[in-house]
Amino acid sequence: MKFTIGTLLLLTLVIWSCKKEKQEETLAETTLETVSCNLTEKEFNSWFASGTATENGAVNNANSITFTHNDNCDFYKWSEQMFLWLTSSTNGETVLESPTFYTVSPKNASGKRSFIKHEKGVLLRAMANVEKTGRVDSEEAQATDDVLMDKNGNLIYYISFANDVYAQFLTMNYGKSNDSLKFPTTAADLKPINEFAKKNGVVLKDSTALAMEIKTSWVVADTLIDTSKYITIEAIIPTYKKTETVWVISGERKAKLAMVGMHIVGSAAGHPEMIWATFEHKDNAPNDSYQYVDDKGNVVTVPADGNGNWLLNTDVSSPANVSHMKFSHDSIIARANQTISPSNTVRTKPWGSSYETQPNPEDKTPAIANTKVIDINNSVTKYLPGSDIRKNYLFLGATWTSNGVAPNGYSYSPSLTEAGVAIGSSQLANSTMETYAQNGTAYSKYGSCFSCHSNNGLQPTDLSHVYGDLKPLIEIIKK
């Protein structure tokens, strides 16, 4: 049977564990516990504010203070709960749009950013990797200087966020010299942040989420076949004066945007380097071939997806992940021998593991690692009742370092096991944010989030592209 992104979530796999030396051989000595991610319905229900899963119901944030990390699945559960929390909606507004989060502005002419407070009736602003100042940071859009467009000719837009704990933490420590400063991971770390916020008239009601940075990708919803399958917002986006090879910003307009991707980054107990997870819409792009473990303990090779109604691909036989344009100051410029046009995107490592290399110390093969991510996707889809809109989004994986040590920028392999290598889904990429930086199907030493988000330390500026540029909260500084 062929598994595509669209059908994968409908499967309920009974998954077994294994010990094996060759990936194509039948697995022996299988045990359920070491391959599946055992998310029970009882545990899933406990995530919901009401204590029971309801269609599009409100979910509590994962408690990052009490986070335990016995195995990789604990990180995946944390990621799934955080996604469901962030996309929970109350009165038509997601948690991400609420005052719990701030939008992180682009850099201004002085290279500084601001926390933009979320207020009722004030629309968020999205960008497509371009700023009038000409100052662009990969935290705001693609991991490279590329610009992405869907098959209908709509640009992919981006919005970055930070939560209130992150904002208060930064403001509290702004201008202080502290070489040992780290993102909060314990109740003791959180206490002074809560006290600082309270002193300034702010109650951090979801403070157990600890410090979070979120990056999201969006597309104009008008041309989508069924917007009911997407989380949507109203936002302000740029308008352009267009030719075939150059688009120049000419103004702005209001638009309904549909979410196509989300990076979730957050500190947790034992992990000041933060957990780095990513999600995307199931109809974004086709998968390249991958492997998983079936219910008999066999490694099954799933062939690459064929043509379908993919948002970012019209022909899987055409060259994939070839950039057609880049940004330059206030313009989008076609690359050599290209026009401003859609490219065909393929997810080359669908579940955060390369085809041939062990991705982390716990999962001995890519097939086992893939199976765990697939399993928790299936569990969440099964337990979400009715037509919950969040069923349409896939968890691709999460990465971190062993024992929370400072990341060194490299990805784990059997021959690269030094402290600080990325583990978990150590070759992670999102088709809307690392489109042209997926490094193909093969293992890459630089294939993890930490290849860009590391400076061999655990200070916030070692990990975050925006922390060092952000100004403190204006409302507190004015006091």
Protein backbone atom coordinates (compact mmCIF):
# COMPACT_ATOMS: atom_id res chain seq x y z
CA MET A 1 0.00 0.00 0.00
CA LYS A 2 1.30 3.49 -0.85
CA PHE A 3 1.21 6.08 1.91
CA THR A 4 0.89 9.74 0.91
CA ILE A 5 0.74 12.74 3.22
CA GLY A 6 -2.98 13.00 2.58
CA THR A 7 -3.74 9.39 3.49
CA LEU A 8 -1.10 8.83 6.15
CA LEU A 9 -3.13 10.33 8.97
CA LEU A 10 -6.03 7.99 8.25
CA LEU A 11 -3.91 4.97 9.07
CA THR A 12 -3.87 3.42 12.50
CA LEU A 13 -0.61 1.53 12.58
CA VAL A 14 0.07 -1.11 15.19
CA ILE A 15 3.76 -0.50 15.54
CA TRP A 16 6.46 -2.81 16.75
CA SER A 17 10.04 -2.31 17.83
CA CYS A 18 13.11 -4.06 16.58
CA LYS A 19 16.79 -4.73 16.61
CA LYS A 20 18.34 -5.01 13.16
CA GLU A 21 21.59 -4.61 11.29
CA LYS A 22 20.39 -4.23 7.71
CA GLN A 23 17.47 -2.00 7.02
CA GLU A 24 15.95 -4.15 4.28
CA GLU A 25 15.86 -7.31 6.42
CA THR A 26 12.86 -8.53 8.40
CA LEU A 27 13.13 -7.21 11.94
CA ALA A 28 13.47 -9.58 14.85
CA GLU A 29 12.89 -9.37 18.61
CA THR A 30 10.19 -6.77 18.23
CA THR A 31 8.58 -5.03 21.18
CA LEU A 32 5.86 -2.43 20.96
CA GLU A 33 7.29 -0.09 23.56
CA THR A 34 10.53 0.84 21.82
CA VAL A 35 9.14 1.79 18.41
CA SER A 36 5.73 3.31 19.08
CA CYS A 37 5.02 6.64 20.74
CA ASN A 38 2.45 5.49 23.24
CA LEU A 39 0.06 8.44 23.51
CA THR A 40 -3.05 7.14 25.28
CA GLU A 41 -6.49 8.66 24.90
CA LYS A 42 -6.50 9.44 28.64
CA GLU A 43 -3.25 11.40 28.35
CA PHE A 44 -4.49 13.19 25.25
CA ASN A 45 -7.74 14.21 26.99
CA SER A 46 -5.70 15.67 29.86
CA TRP A 47 -4.23 18.22 27.44
CA PHE A 48 -7.64 19.85 26.94
CA ALA A 49 -8.82 22.64 29.22
CA SER A 50 -12.11 20.81 29.79
CA GLY A 51 -10.39 17.48 30.54
CA THR A 52 -11.97 15.90 27.46
CA ALA A 53 -11.06 16.26 23.80
CA THR A 54 -13.65 18.34 21.94
CA GLU A 55 -13.79 19.41 18.30
CA ASN A 56 -11.58 22.50 17.89
CA GLY A 57 -11.50 22.65 21.70
CA ALA A 58 -9.09 24.67 23.84
CA VAL A 59 -5.87 22.91 24.85
CA ASN A 60 -3.59 23.86 27.74
CA ASN A 61 0.07 24.57 27.09
CA ALA A 62 2.50 21.74 27.78
CA ASN A 63 4.04 22.32 31.20
CA SER A 64 7.68 22.89 30.32
CA ILE A 65 8.73 23.09 33.98
CA THR A 66 7.58 19.54 34.70
CA PHE A 67 8.73 18.24 31.30
CA THR A 68 10.34 14.83 31.59
CA HIS A 69 12.59 13.36 28.96
CA ASN A 70 12.84 9.61 29.29
CA ASP A 71 12.80 9.03 25.55
CA ASN A 72 12.28 10.79 22.22
CA CYS A 73 8.51 10.44 22.41
CA ASP A 74 8.37 12.84 25.36
CA PHE A 75 9.70 15.57 23.09
CA TYR A 76 7.19 14.68 20.40
CA LYS A 77 4.29 14.80 22.86
CA TRP A 78 5.47 18.21 24.12
CA SER A 79 5.55 19.43 20.52
CA GLU A 80 2.07 18.14 19.67
CA GLN A 81 0.49 19.63 22.78
CA MET A 82 2.12 23.00 22.17
CA PHE A 83 0.84 23.05 18.58
CA LEU A 84 -2.70 22.25 19.68
CA TRP A 85 -2.47 24.94 22.36
CA LEU A 86 -1.12 27.62 20.01
CA THR A 87 -3.86 26.93 17.48
CA SER A 88 -6.67 26.73 20.05
CA SER A 89 -9.29 29.34 19.23
CA THR A 90 -11.44 31.45 21.54
CA ASN A 91 -13.94 33.89 20.05
CA GLY A 92 -12.30 33.51 16.65
CA GLU A 93 -8.81 34.27 17.91
CA THR A 94 -6.03 31.71 18.31
CA VAL A 95 -3.70 31.70 21.30
CA LEU A 96 -0.98 32.82 18.90
CA GLU A 97 -2.98 35.98 18.14
CA SER A 98 -3.78 36.65 21.79
CA PRO A 99 -1.93 38.95 24.25
CA THR A 100 0.03 35.89 25.43
CA PHE A 101 2.19 36.46 22.35
CA TYR A 102 3.88 39.42 20.70
CA THR A 103 4.72 39.75 17.03
CA VAL A 104 8.46 40.21 16.51
CA SER A 105 8.96 43.11 14.12
CA PRO A 106 11.45 43.15 11.23
CA LYS A 107 14.63 45.13 11.80
CA ASN A 108 14.33 48.89 11.50
CA ALA A 109 16.89 51.15 9.83
CA SER A 110 19.05 50.89 12.96
CA GLY A 111 18.97 47.11 12.93
CA LYS A 112 16.62 46.89 15.93
CA ARG A 113 13.41 44.93 16.42
CA SER A 114 10.41 45.51 18.67
CA PHE A 115 7.80 43.44 20.43
CA ILE A 116 4.47 44.36 18.86
CA LYS A 117 1.66 43.99 21.37
CA HIS A 118 -1.42 42.08 20.24
CA GLU A 119 -4.55 44.16 20.66
CA LYS A 120 -8.13 43.45 19.70
CA GLY A 121 -8.97 44.81 16.26
CA VAL A 122 -5.34 45.41 15.24
CA LEU A 123 -4.27 43.14 12.37
CA LEU A 124 -0.99 41.26 12.33
CA ARG A 125 1.51 41.98 9.57
CA ALA A 126 3.13 39.37 7.35
CA MET A 127 6.08 39.61 4.99
CA ALA A 128 7.51 37.55 2.14
CA ASN A 129 11.20 37.78 3.03
CA VAL A 130 11.36 41.42 1.93
CA GLU A 131 11.68 44.66 3.87
CA LYS A 132 11.82 48.26 2.68
CA THR A 133 14.94 48.74 4.80
CA GLY A 134 16.71 45.96 2.97
CA ARG A 135 17.49 44.29 6.29
CA VAL A 136 16.32 40.70 6.28
CA ASP A 137 16.99 37.95 8.78
CA SER A 138 16.35 34.26 8.24
CA GLU A 139 14.26 34.22 11.42
CA GLU A 140 11.55 36.09 9.54
CA ALA A 141 11.17 33.90 6.48
CA GLN A 142 13.16 31.34 4.48
CA ALA A 143 16.39 29.98 5.92
CA THR A 144 18.08 31.35 2.79
CA ASP A 145 17.62 34.52 0.72
CA ASP A 146 14.99 32.80 -1.43
CA VAL A 147 11.35 33.73 -1.93
CA LEU A 148 8.70 30.99 -2.17
CA MET A 149 5.51 31.05 -4.21
CA ASP A 150 2.64 28.55 -4.35
CA LYS A 151 1.42 26.95 -7.58
CA ASN A 152 -1.24 29.66 -7.97
CA GLY A 153 1.35 32.44 -8.03
CA ASN A 154 0.77 33.56 -4.43
CA LEU A 155 3.77 34.42 -2.29
CA ILE A 156 4.34 32.59 0.98
CA TYR A 157 4.32 35.09 3.87
CA TYR A 158 5.85 34.84 7.33
CA ILE A 159 5.17 36.10 10.84
CA SER A 160 7.45 35.57 13.85
CA PHE A 161 6.28 35.63 17.47
CA ALA A 162 7.61 35.47 21.03
CA ASN A 163 5.55 34.77 24.11
CA ASP A 164 5.12 36.99 27.15
CA VAL A 165 7.58 34.99 29.28
CA TYR A 166 10.24 35.51 26.60
CA ALA A 167 9.44 39.24 26.38
CA GLN A 168 9.49 39.77 30.16
CA PHE A 169 12.70 37.72 30.49
CA LEU A 170 14.42 39.82 27.85
CA THR A 171 13.18 43.11 29.33
CA MET A 172 14.22 42.09 32.85
CA ASN A 173 17.75 41.27 31.68
CA TYR A 174 18.12 43.99 29.06
CA GLY A 175 21.47 45.77 29.17
CA LYS A 176 22.87 43.55 31.93
CA SER A 177 26.17 41.77 31.51
CA ASN A 178 25.66 38.12 32.36
CA ASP A 179 27.73 35.48 30.60
CA SER A 180 25.73 32.69 32.26
CA LEU A 181 22.31 33.95 31.12
CA LYS A 182 20.10 31.15 29.76
CA PHE A 183 16.46 30.80 28.84
CA PRO A 184 14.39 29.68 31.87
CA THR A 185 14.00 25.94 32.45
CA THR A 186 12.90 25.61 36.09
CA ALA A 187 10.37 27.00 38.56
CA ALA A 188 13.25 28.84 40.23
CA ASP A 189 14.14 30.47 36.89
CA LEU A 190 10.51 31.43 36.25
CA LYS A 191 9.82 32.95 39.68
CA PRO A 192 11.73 36.25 39.16
CA ILE A 193 10.21 36.62 35.69
CA ASN A 194 6.70 36.29 37.10
CA GLU A 195 7.56 38.73 39.89
CA PHE A 196 9.03 41.23 37.44
CA ALA A 197 5.92 41.03 35.26
CA LYS A 198 3.57 41.36 38.24
CA LYS A 199 5.48 44.41 39.46
CA ASN A 200 4.68 45.97 36.09
CA GLY A 201 1.02 45.04 36.20
CA VAL A 202 1.22 41.91 34.03
CA VAL A 203 0.06 38.42 34.96
CA LEU A 204 1.66 35.65 32.92
CA LYS A 205 -1.22 33.19 32.90
CA ASP A 206 0.50 30.59 30.72
CA SER A 207 3.95 31.02 32.22
CA THR A 208 4.60 27.27 32.56
CA ALA A 209 5.12 27.29 28.80
CA LEU A 210 8.42 29.05 29.63
CA ALA A 211 10.17 31.01 26.86
CA MET A 212 8.95 30.49 23.30
CA GLU A 213 9.76 31.71 19.81
CA ILE A 214 7.33 30.84 17.04
CA LYS A 215 7.74 31.23 13.30
CA THR A 216 4.77 30.78 10.96
CA SER A 217 4.19 30.64 7.20
CA TRP A 218 1.01 31.70 5.38
CA VAL A 219 -0.55 31.94 1.94
CA VAL A 220 -3.38 34.13 0.66
CA ALA A 221 -6.48 32.00 1.11
CA ASP A 222 -8.52 33.27 -1.86
CA THR A 223 -7.31 30.66 -4.33
CA LEU A 224 -7.37 27.64 -2.02
CA ILE A 225 -9.95 25.01 -2.91
CA ASP A 226 -11.18 24.58 0.67
CA THR A 227 -10.18 27.16 3.28
CA SER A 228 -12.12 25.23 5.94
CA LYS A 229 -9.11 22.91 6.11
CA TYR A 230 -6.79 25.73 7.14
CA ILE A 231 -6.27 27.87 10.21
CA THR A 232 -6.82 31.43 8.95
CA ILE A 233 -6.23 34.99 10.10
CA GLU A 234 -6.79 38.47 8.71
CA ALA A 235 -3.50 40.29 8.20
CA ILE A 236 -1.73 43.10 6.37
CA ILE A 237 0.56 42.06 3.51
CA PRO A 238 2.67 44.00 0.99
CA THR A 239 1.51 44.80 -2.53
CA TYR A 240 3.90 44.90 -5.49
CA LYS A 241 4.52 46.59 -8.80
CA LYS A 242 5.29 43.60 -11.03
CA THR A 243 7.24 42.58 -14.08
CA GLU A 244 8.27 39.06 -15.08
CA THR A 245 11.64 39.40 -13.37
CA VAL A 246 11.25 42.09 -10.69
CA TRP A 247 8.56 42.83 -8.09
CA VAL A 248 8.91 46.04 -6.10
CA ILE A 249 6.89 46.79 -2.96
CA SER A 250 4.29 49.44 -3.79
CA GLY A 251 2.01 49.45 -0.75
CA GLU A 252 0.00 47.11 1.42
CA ARG A 253 -3.44 45.56 1.73
CA LYS A 254 -5.57 43.44 4.02
CA ALA A 255 -5.88 39.75 3.19
CA LYS A 256 -7.17 36.51 4.61
CA LEU A 257 -4.17 34.23 5.15
CA ALA A 258 -4.13 30.46 5.59
CA MET A 259 -1.44 28.88 7.75
CA VAL A 260 0.79 26.41 5.92
CA GLY A 261 3.64 25.96 8.42
CA MET A 262 4.80 26.54 11.98
CA HIS A 263 8.11 26.24 13.82
CA ILE A 264 7.74 25.88 17.60
CA VAL A 265 10.81 26.59 19.73
CA GLY A 266 10.66 26.55 23.51
CA SER A 267 12.78 26.06 26.60
CA ALA A 268 11.93 23.17 28.92
CA ALA A 269 13.26 21.42 32.01
CA GLY A 270 16.79 20.26 31.29
CA HIS A 271 16.84 21.95 27.88
CA PRO A 272 18.02 25.56 27.79
CA GLU A 273 19.05 24.95 24.17
CA MET A 274 15.28 24.68 23.58
CA ILE A 275 13.19 22.08 21.78
CA TRP A 276 12.85 22.78 18.05
CA ALA A 277 9.72 21.31 16.43
CA THR A 278 7.98 21.91 13.13
CA PHE A 279 4.52 21.37 11.59
CA GLU A 280 3.01 21.93 8.18
CA HIS A 281 -0.21 21.46 6.27
CA LYS A 282 -0.66 17.97 4.86
CA ASP A 283 -1.32 19.27 1.33
CA ASN A 284 1.82 21.41 1.03
CA ALA A 285 4.18 19.18 -0.92
CA PRO A 286 4.84 15.55 -1.88
CA ASN A 287 7.16 13.30 0.09
CA ASP A 288 10.26 11.73 -1.30
CA SER A 289 10.66 8.02 -0.55
CA TYR A 290 10.98 6.99 3.10
CA GLN A 291 10.81 3.87 5.29
CA TYR A 292 8.80 2.82 8.33
CA VAL A 293 8.22 -0.31 10.40
CA ASP A 294 4.96 -2.19 9.76
CA ASP A 295 2.87 -4.21 12.20
CA LYS A 296 4.87 -7.37 11.47
CA GLY A 297 8.20 -5.75 12.23
CA ASN A 298 9.22 -5.39 8.59
CA VAL A 299 10.85 -2.31 7.15
CA VAL A 300 8.59 -0.99 4.40
CA THR A 301 9.87 1.34 1.72
CA VAL A 302 7.27 3.90 0.67
CA PRO A 303 7.89 5.23 -2.87
CA ALA A 304 7.93 8.93 -3.54
CA ASP A 305 4.53 10.60 -3.86
CA GLY A 306 3.15 11.20 -7.32
CA ASN A 307 1.31 14.16 -8.73
CA GLY A 308 -1.63 15.41 -6.71
CA ASN A 309 -3.30 18.55 -5.51
CA TRP A 310 -0.16 19.84 -3.79
CA LEU A 311 0.03 23.53 -2.95
CA LEU A 312 3.74 23.75 -3.77
CA ASN A 313 4.12 21.25 -6.61
CA THR A 314 2.44 20.69 -9.98
CA ASP A 315 4.80 18.12 -11.51
CA VAL A 316 6.86 15.66 -9.48
CA SER A 317 8.85 14.70 -12.58
CA SER A 318 10.30 18.21 -12.82
CA PRO A 319 13.41 19.29 -10.91
CA ALA A 320 12.47 19.96 -7.28
CA ASN A 321 13.56 22.58 -4.78
CA VAL A 322 15.12 24.88 -7.35
CA SER A 323 14.82 28.53 -6.34
CA HIS A 324 13.33 30.89 -8.92
CA MET A 325 13.78 34.21 -7.10
CA LYS A 326 15.42 35.98 -4.19
CA PHE A 327 14.90 39.18 -2.22
CA SER A 328 16.95 42.33 -2.59
CA HIS A 329 16.09 45.39 -0.48
CA ASP A 330 12.46 46.22 -1.32
CA SER A 331 12.32 43.92 -4.35
CA ILE A 332 11.92 40.31 -5.39
CA ILE A 333 14.31 39.52 -8.22
CA ALA A 334 14.28 36.49 -10.52
CA ARG A 335 17.37 34.34 -10.49
CA ALA A 336 19.40 33.83 -13.66
CA ASN A 337 17.35 32.24 -16.45
CA GLN A 338 14.22 32.29 -14.27
CA THR A 339 11.12 34.45 -13.85
CA ILE A 340 9.12 35.39 -10.76
CA SER A 341 7.21 32.12 -10.70
CA PRO A 342 6.34 29.01 -8.66
CA SER A 343 8.88 26.24 -8.22
CA ASN A 344 8.20 22.58 -7.47
CA THR A 345 8.82 21.60 -3.86
CA VAL A 346 9.44 18.10 -2.48
CA ARG A 347 9.98 17.12 1.15
CA THR A 348 13.23 15.19 0.80
CA LYS A 349 13.40 13.95 4.42
CA PRO A 350 9.70 13.70 5.32
CA TRP A 351 10.06 12.87 9.02
CA GLY A 352 13.38 14.49 9.90
CA SER A 353 15.70 11.59 9.13
CA SER A 354 17.91 10.98 6.13
CA TYR A 355 17.31 7.82 4.16
CA GLU A 356 20.43 5.89 5.13
CA THR A 357 21.83 7.17 8.45
CA GLN A 358 20.87 6.55 12.07
CA PRO A 359 19.40 9.91 13.21
CA ASN A 360 19.93 9.71 16.97
CA PRO A 361 21.30 7.33 19.64
CA GLU A 362 17.85 5.99 20.60
CA ASP A 363 16.49 5.12 17.16
CA LYS A 364 18.86 2.68 15.52
CA THR A 365 17.52 3.22 12.00
CA PRO A 366 15.69 5.94 10.07
CA ALA A 367 12.74 3.56 9.73
CA ILE A 368 12.31 3.37 13.50
CA ALA A 369 12.64 7.14 13.88
CA ASN A 370 10.09 7.74 11.11
CA THR A 371 7.67 5.28 12.65
CA LYS A 372 7.60 7.13 15.97
CA VAL A 373 6.73 10.43 14.31
CA ILE A 374 4.11 8.76 12.12
CA ASP A 375 2.67 6.98 15.15
CA ILE A 376 2.10 10.13 17.18
CA ASN A 377 0.57 11.85 14.15
CA ASN A 378 -1.85 8.96 13.83
CA SER A 379 -2.70 9.05 17.54
CA VAL A 380 -3.44 12.77 17.56
CA THR A 381 -5.58 12.48 14.44
CA LYS A 382 -7.47 9.54 15.88
CA TYR A 383 -8.19 11.27 19.19
CA LEU A 384 -9.14 14.68 17.78
CA PRO A 385 -12.93 14.45 17.45
CA GLY A 386 -15.07 15.33 14.44
CA SER A 387 -13.66 17.66 11.82
CA ASP A 388 -11.18 19.41 14.08
CA ILE A 389 -9.24 21.72 11.76
CA ARG A 390 -5.95 20.71 13.36
CA LYS A 391 -6.24 17.25 11.79
CA ASN A 392 -5.01 18.84 8.58
CA TYR A 393 -1.55 19.59 9.98
CA LEU A 394 1.36 17.20 10.27
CA PHE A 395 4.03 17.02 12.94
CA LEU A 396 7.33 16.49 11.08
CA GLY A 397 9.58 16.00 14.09
CA ALA A 398 11.59 17.79 16.76
CA THR A 399 15.26 18.15 17.63
CA TRP A 400 17.36 19.00 20.70
CA THR A 401 20.72 18.04 22.25
CA SER A 402 21.53 15.30 24.74
CA ASN A 403 21.23 16.59 28.31
CA GLY A 404 20.61 20.09 27.03
CA VAL A 405 24.25 20.88 26.30
CA ALA A 406 25.18 23.74 24.01
CA PRO A 407 24.57 22.79 20.36
CA ASN A 408 27.63 22.68 18.12
CA GLY A 409 25.74 23.03 14.84
CA TYR A 410 26.17 19.42 13.71
CA SER A 411 23.69 16.57 13.29
CA TYR A 412 24.13 13.18 14.93
CA SER A 413 25.47 10.23 12.96
CA PRO A 414 27.08 7.00 14.18
CA SER A 415 30.45 8.58 13.44
CA LEU A 416 29.54 11.98 14.89
CA THR A 417 28.44 11.52 18.49
CA GLU A 418 30.23 14.33 20.30
CA ALA A 419 28.39 16.40 22.89
CA GLY A 420 26.20 19.08 21.32
CA VAL A 421 25.11 17.27 18.18
CA ALA A 422 21.43 17.54 17.25
CA ILE A 423 19.43 14.42 18.07
CA GLY A 424 15.79 13.36 17.73
CA SER A 425 14.68 14.36 14.21
CA SER A 426 18.18 15.52 13.47
CA GLN A 427 17.66 16.28 9.74
CA LEU A 428 14.56 18.40 10.21
CA ALA A 429 13.18 20.80 7.58
CA ASN A 430 9.86 22.44 6.74
CA SER A 431 8.85 22.68 3.08
CA THR A 432 7.77 26.32 3.54
CA MET A 433 10.71 27.59 5.58
CA GLU A 434 13.72 25.46 4.64
CA THR A 435 12.49 24.80 1.12
CA TYR A 436 15.86 25.25 -0.56
CA ALA A 437 18.00 24.13 2.39
CA GLN A 438 16.88 20.51 2.77
CA ASN A 439 20.23 19.09 1.62
CA GLY A 440 18.61 16.41 -0.52
CA THR A 441 17.81 12.90 0.73
CA ALA A 442 21.28 12.08 2.05
CA TYR A 443 22.60 12.77 5.53
CA SER A 444 24.13 16.20 6.00
CA LYS A 445 26.41 17.13 8.86
CA TYR A 446 24.70 20.54 8.76
CA GLY A 447 21.17 19.18 8.40
CA SER A 448 19.62 20.38 11.66
CA CYS A 449 18.09 23.62 12.93
CA PHE A 450 21.24 24.10 15.00
CA SER A 451 23.39 24.49 11.89
CA CYS A 452 22.15 28.10 11.92
CA HIS A 453 21.00 28.42 15.54
CA SER A 454 24.19 27.72 17.44
CA ASN A 455 27.26 29.56 18.59
CA ASN A 456 28.68 26.85 20.86
CA GLY A 457 26.91 28.36 23.86
CA LEU A 458 23.59 28.48 25.68
CA GLN A 459 23.08 32.22 25.98
CA PRO A 460 19.92 33.43 24.22
CA THR A 461 22.00 35.25 21.61
CA ASP A 462 23.79 31.98 20.82
CA LEU A 463 20.49 30.35 19.86
CA SER A 464 18.13 33.05 18.64
CA HIS A 465 18.44 35.24 15.56
CA VAL A 466 16.18 37.90 17.05
CA TYR A 467 17.00 38.07 20.77
CA GLY A 468 20.03 40.33 20.43
CA ASP A 469 18.18 42.79 18.15
CA LEU A 470 15.02 43.11 20.24
CA LYS A 471 14.34 46.21 22.27
CA PRO A 472 12.73 45.73 25.70
CA LEU A 473 8.98 46.05 26.14
CA ILE A 474 8.04 49.69 25.58
CA GLU A 475 5.21 49.68 28.10
CA ILE A 476 7.60 48.68 30.88
CA ILE A 477 10.45 50.98 29.87
CA LYS A 478 8.04 53.95 29.83
CA LYS A 479 7.26 53.29 33.47
